[in-house]
């Protein structure tokens, strides 16, 4: 692929990343001060 295209021309799609809820993970974490401080191994037992 790189014989023909530069990296900025290449769009490897993962439609899961286009889902609103997946993107909202970032908004939920970083726009709300009540959640980011507990977003770590000290407060979370595991993630599924």
ModelCIF file with pLDDT and N, C-alpha, C, O atoms, coordinates in Angstrom:
data_MODEL
#
_entry.id   MODEL 
#
_entity.id                         1 
_entity.type                       polymer 
_entity.pdbx_number_of_molecules   1 
#
_entity_poly.entity_id                      1 
_entity_poly.type                           'polypeptide(L)' 
_entity_poly.nstd_linkage                   no 
_entity_poly.nstd_monomer                   no 
_entity_poly.pdbx_seq_one_letter_code       
;(UNK)(UNK)(UNK)(UNK)(UNK)(UNK)(UNK)(UNK)(UNK)(UNK)(UNK)(UNK)(UNK)(UNK)(UNK)(UNK)
(UNK)(UNK)(UNK)(UNK)(UNK)(UNK)(UNK)(UNK)(UNK)(UNK)(UNK)(UNK)(UNK)(UNK)(UNK)(UNK)
(UNK)(UNK)(UNK)(UNK)(UNK)(UNK)(UNK)(UNK)(UNK)(UNK)(UNK)(UNK)(UNK)(UNK)(UNK)(UNK)
;
_entity_poly.pdbx_seq_one_letter_code_can   XXXXXXXXXXXXXXXXXXXXXXXXXXXXXXXXXXXXXXXXXXXXXXXX 
_entity_poly.pdbx_strand_id                 A 
#
loop_
_entity_poly_seq.entity_id 
_entity_poly_seq.num 
_entity_poly_seq.mon_id 
_entity_poly_seq.hetero 
1 1  UNK n 
1 2  UNK n 
1 3  UNK n 
1 4  UNK n 
1 5  UNK n 
1 6  UNK n 
1 7  UNK n 
1 8  UNK n 
1 9  UNK n 
1 10 UNK n 
1 11 UNK n 
1 12 UNK n 
1 13 UNK n 
1 14 UNK n 
1 15 UNK n 
1 16 UNK n 
1 17 UNK n 
1 18 UNK n 
1 19 UNK n 
1 20 UNK n 
1 21 UNK n 
1 22 UNK n 
1 23 UNK n 
1 24 UNK n 
1 25 UNK n 
1 26 UNK n 
1 27 UNK n 
1 28 UNK n 
1 29 UNK n 
1 30 UNK n 
1 31 UNK n 
1 32 UNK n 
1 33 UNK n 
1 34 UNK n 
1 35 UNK n 
1 36 UNK n 
1 37 UNK n 
1 38 UNK n 
1 39 UNK n 
1 40 UNK n 
1 41 UNK n 
1 42 UNK n 
1 43 UNK n 
1 44 UNK n 
1 45 UNK n 
1 46 UNK n 
1 47 UNK n 
1 48 UNK n 
#
_struct_asym.id          A 
_struct_asym.entity_id   1 
#
loop_
_ma_qa_metric.id 
_ma_qa_metric.mode 
_ma_qa_metric.name 
_ma_qa_metric.software_group_id 
_ma_qa_metric.type 
1 global pLDDT . pLDDT 
2 local  pLDDT . pLDDT 
#
_ma_qa_metric_global.metric_id      1 
_ma_qa_metric_global.metric_value   87.98 
_ma_qa_metric_global.model_id       1 
_ma_qa_metric_global.ordinal_id     1 
#
loop_
_ma_qa_metric_local.label_asym_id 
_ma_qa_metric_local.label_comp_id 
_ma_qa_metric_local.label_seq_id 
_ma_qa_metric_local.metric_id 
_ma_qa_metric_local.metric_value 
_ma_qa_metric_local.model_id 
_ma_qa_metric_local.ordinal_id 
A UNK 1  2 96.00 1 1  
A UNK 2  2 96.00 1 2  
A UNK 3  2 96.00 1 3  
A UNK 4  2 97.00 1 4  
A UNK 5  2 97.00 1 5  
A UNK 6  2 96.00 1 6  
A UNK 7  2 94.00 1 7  
A UNK 8  2 94.00 1 8  
A UNK 9  2 97.00 1 9  
A UNK 10 2 96.00 1 10 
A UNK 11 2 95.00 1 11 
A UNK 12 2 94.00 1 12 
A UNK 13 2 88.00 1 13 
A UNK 14 2 83.00 1 14 
A UNK 15 2 81.00 1 15 
A UNK 16 2 77.00 1 16 
A UNK 17 2 80.00 1 17 
A UNK 18 2 78.00 1 18 
A UNK 19 2 75.00 1 19 
A UNK 20 2 72.00 1 20 
A UNK 21 2 70.00 1 21 
A UNK 22 2 76.00 1 22 
A UNK 23 2 76.00 1 23 
A UNK 24 2 78.00 1 24 
A UNK 25 2 84.00 1 25 
A UNK 26 2 84.00 1 26 
A UNK 27 2 83.00 1 27 
A UNK 28 2 84.00 1 28 
A UNK 29 2 85.00 1 29 
A UNK 30 2 86.00 1 30 
A UNK 31 2 82.00 1 31 
A UNK 32 2 83.00 1 32 
A UNK 33 2 83.00 1 33 
A UNK 34 2 85.00 1 34 
A UNK 35 2 86.00 1 35 
A UNK 36 2 87.00 1 36 
A UNK 37 2 89.00 1 37 
A UNK 38 2 91.00 1 38 
A UNK 39 2 93.00 1 39 
A UNK 40 2 94.00 1 40 
A UNK 41 2 95.00 1 41 
A UNK 42 2 95.00 1 42 
A UNK 43 2 94.00 1 43 
A UNK 44 2 95.00 1 44 
A UNK 45 2 95.00 1 45 
A UNK 46 2 96.00 1 46 
A UNK 47 2 96.00 1 47 
A UNK 48 2 96.00 1 48 
#
loop_
_atom_site.group_PDB 
_atom_site.id 
_atom_site.type_symbol 
_atom_site.label_atom_id 
_atom_site.label_alt_id 
_atom_site.label_comp_id 
_atom_site.label_asym_id 
_atom_site.label_entity_id 
_atom_site.label_seq_id 
_atom_site.pdbx_PDB_ins_code 
_atom_site.Cartn_x 
_atom_site.Cartn_y 
_atom_site.Cartn_z 
_atom_site.occupancy 
_atom_site.B_iso_or_equiv 
_atom_site.pdbx_formal_charge 
_atom_site.auth_seq_id 
_atom_site.auth_comp_id 
_atom_site.auth_asym_id 
_atom_site.auth_atom_id 
_atom_site.pdbx_PDB_model_num 
ATOM 1   N N  . UNK A 1 1  ? 0.829   -1.205 0.000  1.00 96.00 ? 1  UNK A N  1 
ATOM 2   C CA . UNK A 1 1  ? 0.000   0.000  0.000  1.00 96.00 ? 1  UNK A CA 1 
ATOM 3   C C  . UNK A 1 1  ? 0.867   1.261  0.000  1.00 96.00 ? 1  UNK A C  1 
ATOM 4   O O  . UNK A 1 1  ? 0.551   2.244  -0.670 1.00 96.00 ? 1  UNK A O  1 
ATOM 5   N N  . UNK A 1 2  ? 1.962   1.217  0.761  1.00 96.00 ? 2  UNK A N  1 
ATOM 6   C CA . UNK A 1 2  ? 2.821   2.398  0.834  1.00 96.00 ? 2  UNK A CA 1 
ATOM 7   C C  . UNK A 1 2  ? 3.676   2.594  -0.423 1.00 96.00 ? 2  UNK A C  1 
ATOM 8   O O  . UNK A 1 2  ? 4.311   3.638  -0.573 1.00 96.00 ? 2  UNK A O  1 
ATOM 9   N N  . UNK A 1 3  ? 3.701   1.623  -1.316 1.00 96.00 ? 3  UNK A N  1 
ATOM 10  C CA . UNK A 1 3  ? 4.330   1.847  -2.614 1.00 96.00 ? 3  UNK A CA 1 
ATOM 11  C C  . UNK A 1 3  ? 3.553   2.874  -3.438 1.00 96.00 ? 3  UNK A C  1 
ATOM 12  O O  . UNK A 1 3  ? 4.114   3.543  -4.306 1.00 96.00 ? 3  UNK A O  1 
ATOM 13  N N  . UNK A 1 4  ? 2.254   2.991  -3.154 1.00 97.00 ? 4  UNK A N  1 
ATOM 14  C CA . UNK A 1 4  ? 1.373   3.841  -3.944 1.00 97.00 ? 4  UNK A CA 1 
ATOM 15  C C  . UNK A 1 4  ? 0.911   5.069  -3.168 1.00 97.00 ? 4  UNK A C  1 
ATOM 16  O O  . UNK A 1 4  ? 0.802   6.159  -3.730 1.00 97.00 ? 4  UNK A O  1 
ATOM 17  N N  . UNK A 1 5  ? 0.642   4.893  -1.886 1.00 97.00 ? 5  UNK A N  1 
ATOM 18  C CA . UNK A 1 5  ? 0.000   5.929  -1.073 1.00 97.00 ? 5  UNK A CA 1 
ATOM 19  C C  . UNK A 1 5  ? 0.883   6.332  0.097  1.00 97.00 ? 5  UNK A C  1 
ATOM 20  O O  . UNK A 1 5  ? 1.661   5.525  0.606  1.00 97.00 ? 5  UNK A O  1 
ATOM 21  N N  . UNK A 1 6  ? 0.760   7.572  0.517  1.00 96.00 ? 6  UNK A N  1 
ATOM 22  C CA . UNK A 1 6  ? 1.363   8.003  1.770  1.00 96.00 ? 6  UNK A CA 1 
ATOM 23  C C  . UNK A 1 6  ? 0.412   7.646  2.916  1.00 96.00 ? 6  UNK A C  1 
ATOM 24  O O  . UNK A 1 6  ? -0.776  7.407  2.695  1.00 96.00 ? 6  UNK A O  1 
ATOM 25  N N  . UNK A 1 7  ? 0.938   7.610  4.129  1.00 94.00 ? 7  UNK A N  1 
ATOM 26  C CA . UNK A 1 7  ? 0.118   7.189  5.272  1.00 94.00 ? 7  UNK A CA 1 
ATOM 27  C C  . UNK A 1 7  ? -1.115  8.068  5.448  1.00 94.00 ? 7  UNK A C  1 
ATOM 28  O O  . UNK A 1 7  ? -2.168  7.575  5.851  1.00 94.00 ? 7  UNK A O  1 
ATOM 29  N N  . UNK A 1 8  ? -1.002  9.361  5.153  1.00 94.00 ? 8  UNK A N  1 
ATOM 30  C CA . UNK A 1 8  ? -2.161  10.235 5.352  1.00 94.00 ? 8  UNK A CA 1 
ATOM 31  C C  . UNK A 1 8  ? -3.241  10.043 4.290  1.00 94.00 ? 8  UNK A C  1 
ATOM 32  O O  . UNK A 1 8  ? -4.311  10.645 4.384  1.00 94.00 ? 8  UNK A O  1 
ATOM 33  N N  . UNK A 1 9  ? -2.973  9.210  3.278  1.00 97.00 ? 9  UNK A N  1 
ATOM 34  C CA . UNK A 1 9  ? -4.002  8.870  2.289  1.00 97.00 ? 9  UNK A CA 1 
ATOM 35  C C  . UNK A 1 9  ? -4.722  7.571  2.634  1.00 97.00 ? 9  UNK A C  1 
ATOM 36  O O  . UNK A 1 9  ? -5.687  7.202  1.965  1.00 97.00 ? 9  UNK A O  1 
ATOM 37  N N  . UNK A 1 10 ? -4.267  6.881  3.664  1.00 96.00 ? 10 UNK A N  1 
ATOM 38  C CA . UNK A 1 10 ? -4.748  5.532  3.979  1.00 96.00 ? 10 UNK A CA 1 
ATOM 39  C C  . UNK A 1 10 ? -5.726  5.603  5.143  1.00 96.00 ? 10 UNK A C  1 
ATOM 40  O O  . UNK A 1 10 ? -5.394  6.133  6.203  1.00 96.00 ? 10 UNK A O  1 
ATOM 41  N N  . UNK A 1 11 ? -6.926  5.073  4.950  1.00 95.00 ? 11 UNK A N  1 
ATOM 42  C CA . UNK A 1 11 ? -7.996  5.099  5.963  1.00 95.00 ? 11 UNK A CA 1 
ATOM 43  C C  . UNK A 1 11 ? -8.427  3.665  6.245  1.00 95.00 ? 11 UNK A C  1 
ATOM 44  O O  . UNK A 1 11 ? -9.274  3.107  5.548  1.00 95.00 ? 11 UNK A O  1 
ATOM 45  N N  . UNK A 1 12 ? -7.826  3.076  7.283  1.00 94.00 ? 12 UNK A N  1 
ATOM 46  C CA . UNK A 1 12 ? -8.175  1.709  7.689  1.00 94.00 ? 12 UNK A CA 1 
ATOM 47  C C  . UNK A 1 12 ? -9.370  1.808  8.629  1.00 94.00 ? 12 UNK A C  1 
ATOM 48  O O  . UNK A 1 12 ? -9.252  2.311  9.747  1.00 94.00 ? 12 UNK A O  1 
ATOM 49  N N  . UNK A 1 13 ? -10.512 1.327  8.172  1.00 88.00 ? 13 UNK A N  1 
ATOM 50  C CA . UNK A 1 13 ? -11.759 1.596  8.877  1.00 88.00 ? 13 UNK A CA 1 
ATOM 51  C C  . UNK A 1 13 ? -12.030 0.549  9.955  1.00 88.00 ? 13 UNK A C  1 
ATOM 52  O O  . UNK A 1 13 ? -11.793 -0.643 9.763  1.00 88.00 ? 13 UNK A O  1 
ATOM 53  N N  . UNK A 1 14 ? -12.525 1.019  11.076 1.00 83.00 ? 14 UNK A N  1 
ATOM 54  C CA . UNK A 1 14 ? -13.099 0.164  12.110 1.00 83.00 ? 14 UNK A CA 1 
ATOM 55  C C  . UNK A 1 14 ? -14.414 0.818  12.505 1.00 83.00 ? 14 UNK A C  1 
ATOM 56  O O  . UNK A 1 14 ? -14.424 1.808  13.237 1.00 83.00 ? 14 UNK A O  1 
ATOM 57  N N  . UNK A 1 15 ? -15.530 0.263  12.020 1.00 81.00 ? 15 UNK A N  1 
ATOM 58  C CA . UNK A 1 15 ? -16.796 0.962  12.208 1.00 81.00 ? 15 UNK A CA 1 
ATOM 59  C C  . UNK A 1 15 ? -17.192 1.087  13.670 1.00 81.00 ? 15 UNK A C  1 
ATOM 60  O O  . UNK A 1 15 ? -18.030 1.925  14.002 1.00 81.00 ? 15 UNK A O  1 
ATOM 61  N N  . UNK A 1 16 ? -16.604 0.262  14.571 1.00 77.00 ? 16 UNK A N  1 
ATOM 62  C CA . UNK A 1 16 ? -16.902 0.429  15.987 1.00 77.00 ? 16 UNK A CA 1 
ATOM 63  C C  . UNK A 1 16 ? -16.489 1.815  16.471 1.00 77.00 ? 16 UNK A C  1 
ATOM 64  O O  . UNK A 1 16 ? -17.150 2.392  17.334 1.00 77.00 ? 16 UNK A O  1 
ATOM 65  N N  . UNK A 1 17 ? -15.398 2.356  15.921 1.00 80.00 ? 17 UNK A N  1 
ATOM 66  C CA . UNK A 1 17 ? -14.922 3.660  16.373 1.00 80.00 ? 17 UNK A CA 1 
ATOM 67  C C  . UNK A 1 17 ? -15.820 4.788  15.885 1.00 80.00 ? 17 UNK A C  1 
ATOM 68  O O  . UNK A 1 17 ? -15.693 5.918  16.357 1.00 80.00 ? 17 UNK A O  1 
ATOM 69  N N  . UNK A 1 18 ? -16.726 4.507  14.947 1.00 78.00 ? 18 UNK A N  1 
ATOM 70  C CA . UNK A 1 18 ? -17.680 5.505  14.507 1.00 78.00 ? 18 UNK A CA 1 
ATOM 71  C C  . UNK A 1 18 ? -18.937 5.546  15.349 1.00 78.00 ? 18 UNK A C  1 
ATOM 72  O O  . UNK A 1 18 ? -19.769 6.435  15.169 1.00 78.00 ? 18 UNK A O  1 
ATOM 73  N N  . UNK A 1 19 ? -19.093 4.609  16.260 1.00 75.00 ? 19 UNK A N  1 
ATOM 74  C CA . UNK A 1 19 ? -20.289 4.570  17.101 1.00 75.00 ? 19 UNK A CA 1 
ATOM 75  C C  . UNK A 1 19 ? -20.268 5.731  18.097 1.00 75.00 ? 19 UNK A C  1 
ATOM 76  O O  . UNK A 1 19 ? -19.233 6.021  18.697 1.00 75.00 ? 19 UNK A O  1 
ATOM 77  N N  . UNK A 1 20 ? -21.398 6.382  18.267 1.00 72.00 ? 20 UNK A N  1 
ATOM 78  C CA . UNK A 1 20 ? -21.491 7.501  19.192 1.00 72.00 ? 20 UNK A CA 1 
ATOM 79  C C  . UNK A 1 20 ? -21.066 7.102  20.605 1.00 72.00 ? 20 UNK A C  1 
ATOM 80  O O  . UNK A 1 20 ? -20.378 7.863  21.285 1.00 72.00 ? 20 UNK A O  1 
ATOM 81  N N  . UNK A 1 21 ? -21.473 5.920  21.045 1.00 70.00 ? 21 UNK A N  1 
ATOM 82  C CA . UNK A 1 21 ? -21.184 5.533  22.425 1.00 70.00 ? 21 UNK A CA 1 
ATOM 83  C C  . UNK A 1 21 ? -19.696 5.288  22.636 1.00 70.00 ? 21 UNK A C  1 
ATOM 84  O O  . UNK A 1 21 ? -19.168 5.579  23.709 1.00 70.00 ? 21 UNK A O  1 
ATOM 85  N N  . UNK A 1 22 ? -19.013 4.754  21.622 1.00 76.00 ? 22 UNK A N  1 
ATOM 86  C CA . UNK A 1 22 ? -17.572 4.567  21.772 1.00 76.00 ? 22 UNK A CA 1 
ATOM 87  C C  . UNK A 1 22 ? -16.886 5.920  21.883 1.00 76.00 ? 22 UNK A C  1 
ATOM 88  O O  . UNK A 1 22 ? -16.005 6.102  22.723 1.00 76.00 ? 22 UNK A O  1 
ATOM 89  N N  . UNK A 1 23 ? -17.281 6.869  21.043 1.00 76.00 ? 23 UNK A N  1 
ATOM 90  C CA . UNK A 1 23 ? -16.702 8.206  21.151 1.00 76.00 ? 23 UNK A CA 1 
ATOM 91  C C  . UNK A 1 23 ? -17.093 8.879  22.465 1.00 76.00 ? 23 UNK A C  1 
ATOM 92  O O  . UNK A 1 23 ? -16.328 9.674  23.012 1.00 76.00 ? 23 UNK A O  1 
ATOM 93  N N  . UNK A 1 24 ? -18.275 8.561  22.965 1.00 78.00 ? 24 UNK A N  1 
ATOM 94  C CA . UNK A 1 24 ? -18.723 9.173  24.207 1.00 78.00 ? 24 UNK A CA 1 
ATOM 95  C C  . UNK A 1 24 ? -17.906 8.698  25.403 1.00 78.00 ? 24 UNK A C  1 
ATOM 96  O O  . UNK A 1 24 ? -17.937 9.328  26.460 1.00 78.00 ? 24 UNK A O  1 
ATOM 97  N N  . UNK A 1 25 ? -17.165 7.581  25.247 1.00 84.00 ? 25 UNK A N  1 
ATOM 98  C CA . UNK A 1 25 ? -16.247 7.167  26.299 1.00 84.00 ? 25 UNK A CA 1 
ATOM 99  C C  . UNK A 1 25 ? -15.282 8.305  26.615 1.00 84.00 ? 25 UNK A C  1 
ATOM 100 O O  . UNK A 1 25 ? -15.006 8.592  27.780 1.00 84.00 ? 25 UNK A O  1 
ATOM 101 N N  . UNK A 1 26 ? -14.774 8.946  25.572 1.00 84.00 ? 26 UNK A N  1 
ATOM 102 C CA . UNK A 1 26 ? -13.827 10.042 25.765 1.00 84.00 ? 26 UNK A CA 1 
ATOM 103 C C  . UNK A 1 26 ? -14.501 11.243 26.407 1.00 84.00 ? 26 UNK A C  1 
ATOM 104 O O  . UNK A 1 26 ? -13.954 11.840 27.335 1.00 84.00 ? 26 UNK A O  1 
ATOM 105 N N  . UNK A 1 27 ? -15.697 11.608 25.915 1.00 83.00 ? 27 UNK A N  1 
ATOM 106 C CA . UNK A 1 27 ? -16.406 12.740 26.498 1.00 83.00 ? 27 UNK A CA 1 
ATOM 107 C C  . UNK A 1 27 ? -16.765 12.470 27.955 1.00 83.00 ? 27 UNK A C  1 
ATOM 108 O O  . UNK A 1 27 ? -16.636 13.347 28.809 1.00 83.00 ? 27 UNK A O  1 
ATOM 109 N N  . UNK A 1 28 ? -17.214 11.255 28.229 1.00 84.00 ? 28 UNK A N  1 
ATOM 110 C CA . UNK A 1 28 ? -17.620 10.879 29.587 1.00 84.00 ? 28 UNK A CA 1 
ATOM 111 C C  . UNK A 1 28 ? -16.446 10.997 30.550 1.00 84.00 ? 28 UNK A C  1 
ATOM 112 O O  . UNK A 1 28 ? -16.594 11.516 31.656 1.00 84.00 ? 28 UNK A O  1 
ATOM 113 N N  . UNK A 1 29 ? -15.275 10.512 30.125 1.00 85.00 ? 29 UNK A N  1 
ATOM 114 C CA . UNK A 1 29 ? -14.085 10.552 30.978 1.00 85.00 ? 29 UNK A CA 1 
ATOM 115 C C  . UNK A 1 29 ? -13.553 11.959 31.157 1.00 85.00 ? 29 UNK A C  1 
ATOM 116 O O  . UNK A 1 29 ? -13.365 12.421 32.282 1.00 85.00 ? 29 UNK A O  1 
ATOM 117 N N  . UNK A 1 30 ? -13.311 12.639 30.044 1.00 86.00 ? 30 UNK A N  1 
ATOM 118 C CA . UNK A 1 30 ? -12.488 13.839 30.088 1.00 86.00 ? 30 UNK A CA 1 
ATOM 119 C C  . UNK A 1 30 ? -13.277 15.137 30.232 1.00 86.00 ? 30 UNK A C  1 
ATOM 120 O O  . UNK A 1 30 ? -12.686 16.190 30.474 1.00 86.00 ? 30 UNK A O  1 
ATOM 121 N N  . UNK A 1 31 ? -14.609 15.080 30.086 1.00 82.00 ? 31 UNK A N  1 
ATOM 122 C CA . UNK A 1 31 ? -15.412 16.290 30.254 1.00 82.00 ? 31 UNK A CA 1 
ATOM 123 C C  . UNK A 1 31 ? -16.109 16.339 31.600 1.00 82.00 ? 31 UNK A C  1 
ATOM 124 O O  . UNK A 1 31 ? -16.796 17.315 31.903 1.00 82.00 ? 31 UNK A O  1 
ATOM 125 N N  . UNK A 1 32 ? -15.945 15.299 32.419 1.00 83.00 ? 32 UNK A N  1 
ATOM 126 C CA . UNK A 1 32 ? -16.650 15.223 33.703 1.00 83.00 ? 32 UNK A CA 1 
ATOM 127 C C  . UNK A 1 32 ? -15.649 14.930 34.820 1.00 83.00 ? 32 UNK A C  1 
ATOM 128 O O  . UNK A 1 32 ? -15.086 13.839 34.907 1.00 83.00 ? 32 UNK A O  1 
ATOM 129 N N  . UNK A 1 33 ? -15.448 15.929 35.661 1.00 83.00 ? 33 UNK A N  1 
ATOM 130 C CA . UNK A 1 33 ? -14.455 15.811 36.714 1.00 83.00 ? 33 UNK A CA 1 
ATOM 131 C C  . UNK A 1 33 ? -14.742 14.738 37.736 1.00 83.00 ? 33 UNK A C  1 
ATOM 132 O O  . UNK A 1 33 ? -13.841 14.353 38.481 1.00 83.00 ? 33 UNK A O  1 
ATOM 133 N N  . UNK A 1 34 ? -15.972 14.237 37.801 1.00 85.00 ? 34 UNK A N  1 
ATOM 134 C CA . UNK A 1 34 ? -16.304 13.220 38.799 1.00 85.00 ? 34 UNK A CA 1 
ATOM 135 C C  . UNK A 1 34 ? -15.828 11.827 38.407 1.00 85.00 ? 34 UNK A C  1 
ATOM 136 O O  . UNK A 1 34 ? -15.759 10.943 39.261 1.00 85.00 ? 34 UNK A O  1 
ATOM 137 N N  . UNK A 1 35 ? -15.496 11.608 37.121 1.00 86.00 ? 35 UNK A N  1 
ATOM 138 C CA . UNK A 1 35 ? -15.162 10.256 36.673 1.00 86.00 ? 35 UNK A CA 1 
ATOM 139 C C  . UNK A 1 35 ? -13.665 10.042 36.450 1.00 86.00 ? 35 UNK A C  1 
ATOM 140 O O  . UNK A 1 35 ? -13.137 9.001  36.841 1.00 86.00 ? 35 UNK A O  1 
ATOM 141 N N  . UNK A 1 36 ? -12.976 10.986 35.841 1.00 87.00 ? 36 UNK A N  1 
ATOM 142 C CA . UNK A 1 36 ? -11.567 10.766 35.520 1.00 87.00 ? 36 UNK A CA 1 
ATOM 143 C C  . UNK A 1 36 ? -10.717 10.419 36.748 1.00 87.00 ? 36 UNK A C  1 
ATOM 144 O O  . UNK A 1 36 ? -9.834  9.570  36.626 1.00 87.00 ? 36 UNK A O  1 
ATOM 145 N N  . UNK A 1 37 ? -10.928 11.024 37.921 1.00 89.00 ? 37 UNK A N  1 
ATOM 146 C CA . UNK A 1 37 ? -10.088 10.669 39.080 1.00 89.00 ? 37 UNK A CA 1 
ATOM 147 C C  . UNK A 1 37 ? -10.205 9.212  39.517 1.00 89.00 ? 37 UNK A C  1 
ATOM 148 O O  . UNK A 1 37 ? -9.285  8.684  40.142 1.00 89.00 ? 37 UNK A O  1 
ATOM 149 N N  . UNK A 1 38 ? -11.322 8.551  39.200 1.00 91.00 ? 38 UNK A N  1 
ATOM 150 C CA . UNK A 1 38 ? -11.494 7.158  39.631 1.00 91.00 ? 38 UNK A CA 1 
ATOM 151 C C  . UNK A 1 38 ? -11.281 6.177  38.472 1.00 91.00 ? 38 UNK A C  1 
ATOM 152 O O  . UNK A 1 38 ? -11.542 4.983  38.619 1.00 91.00 ? 38 UNK A O  1 
ATOM 153 N N  . UNK A 1 39 ? -10.809 6.674  37.323 1.00 93.00 ? 39 UNK A N  1 
ATOM 154 C CA . UNK A 1 39 ? -10.651 5.851  36.126 1.00 93.00 ? 39 UNK A CA 1 
ATOM 155 C C  . UNK A 1 39 ? -9.280  5.184  36.149 1.00 93.00 ? 39 UNK A C  1 
ATOM 156 O O  . UNK A 1 39 ? -8.415  5.505  35.334 1.00 93.00 ? 39 UNK A O  1 
ATOM 157 N N  . UNK A 1 40 ? -9.084  4.251  37.089 1.00 94.00 ? 40 UNK A N  1 
ATOM 158 C CA . UNK A 1 40 ? -7.784  3.601  37.237 1.00 94.00 ? 40 UNK A CA 1 
ATOM 159 C C  . UNK A 1 40 ? -7.932  2.346  38.085 1.00 94.00 ? 40 UNK A C  1 
ATOM 160 O O  . UNK A 1 40 ? -9.009  2.053  38.603 1.00 94.00 ? 40 UNK A O  1 
ATOM 161 N N  . UNK A 1 41 ? -6.837  1.616  38.216 1.00 95.00 ? 41 UNK A N  1 
ATOM 162 C CA . UNK A 1 41 ? -6.838  0.323  38.918 1.00 95.00 ? 41 UNK A CA 1 
ATOM 163 C C  . UNK A 1 41 ? -7.114  0.449  40.407 1.00 95.00 ? 41 UNK A C  1 
ATOM 164 O O  . UNK A 1 41 ? -7.500  -0.531 41.043 1.00 95.00 ? 41 UNK A O  1 
ATOM 165 N N  . UNK A 1 42 ? -6.925  1.636  40.978 1.00 95.00 ? 42 UNK A N  1 
ATOM 166 C CA . UNK A 1 42 ? -7.188  1.810  42.405 1.00 95.00 ? 42 UNK A CA 1 
ATOM 167 C C  . UNK A 1 42 ? -8.673  1.741  42.721 1.00 95.00 ? 42 UNK A C  1 
ATOM 168 O O  . UNK A 1 42 ? -9.059  1.361  43.827 1.00 95.00 ? 42 UNK A O  1 
ATOM 169 N N  . UNK A 1 43 ? -9.497  2.104  41.766 1.00 94.00 ? 43 UNK A N  1 
ATOM 170 C CA . UNK A 1 43 ? -10.939 2.165  42.001 1.00 94.00 ? 43 UNK A CA 1 
ATOM 171 C C  . UNK A 1 43 ? -11.731 1.166  41.153 1.00 94.00 ? 43 UNK A C  1 
ATOM 172 O O  . UNK A 1 43 ? -12.875 0.854  41.484 1.00 94.00 ? 43 UNK A O  1 
ATOM 173 N N  . UNK A 1 44 ? -11.150 0.669  40.082 1.00 95.00 ? 44 UNK A N  1 
ATOM 174 C CA . UNK A 1 44 ? -11.844 -0.273 39.193 1.00 95.00 ? 44 UNK A CA 1 
ATOM 175 C C  . UNK A 1 44 ? -11.244 -1.658 39.380 1.00 95.00 ? 44 UNK A C  1 
ATOM 176 O O  . UNK A 1 44 ? -10.027 -1.833 39.336 1.00 95.00 ? 44 UNK A O  1 
ATOM 177 N N  . UNK A 1 45 ? -12.113 -2.636 39.587 1.00 95.00 ? 45 UNK A N  1 
ATOM 178 C CA . UNK A 1 45 ? -11.668 -4.021 39.777 1.00 95.00 ? 45 UNK A CA 1 
ATOM 179 C C  . UNK A 1 45 ? -11.323 -4.682 38.447 1.00 95.00 ? 45 UNK A C  1 
ATOM 180 O O  . UNK A 1 45 ? -10.319 -5.385 38.337 1.00 95.00 ? 45 UNK A O  1 
ATOM 181 N N  . UNK A 1 46 ? -12.150 -4.454 37.449 1.00 96.00 ? 46 UNK A N  1 
ATOM 182 C CA . UNK A 1 46 ? -11.894 -4.986 36.113 1.00 96.00 ? 46 UNK A CA 1 
ATOM 183 C C  . UNK A 1 46 ? -12.807 -4.291 35.117 1.00 96.00 ? 46 UNK A C  1 
ATOM 184 O O  . UNK A 1 46 ? -13.768 -3.622 35.498 1.00 96.00 ? 46 UNK A O  1 
ATOM 185 N N  . UNK A 1 47 ? -12.496 -4.459 33.834 1.00 96.00 ? 47 UNK A N  1 
ATOM 186 C CA . UNK A 1 47 ? -13.300 -3.903 32.747 1.00 96.00 ? 47 UNK A CA 1 
ATOM 187 C C  . UNK A 1 47 ? -13.714 -5.041 31.833 1.00 96.00 ? 47 UNK A C  1 
ATOM 188 O O  . UNK A 1 47 ? -12.913 -5.923 31.523 1.00 96.00 ? 47 UNK A O  1 
ATOM 189 N N  . UNK A 1 48 ? -14.971 -5.020 31.401 1.00 96.00 ? 48 UNK A N  1 
ATOM 190 C CA . UNK A 1 48 ? -15.460 -5.997 30.429 1.00 96.00 ? 48 UNK A CA 1 
ATOM 191 C C  . UNK A 1 48 ? -15.875 -5.279 29.147 1.00 96.00 ? 48 UNK A C  1 
ATOM 192 O O  . UNK A 1 48 ? -16.318 -5.921 28.195 1.00 96.00 ? 48 UNK A O  1 
#
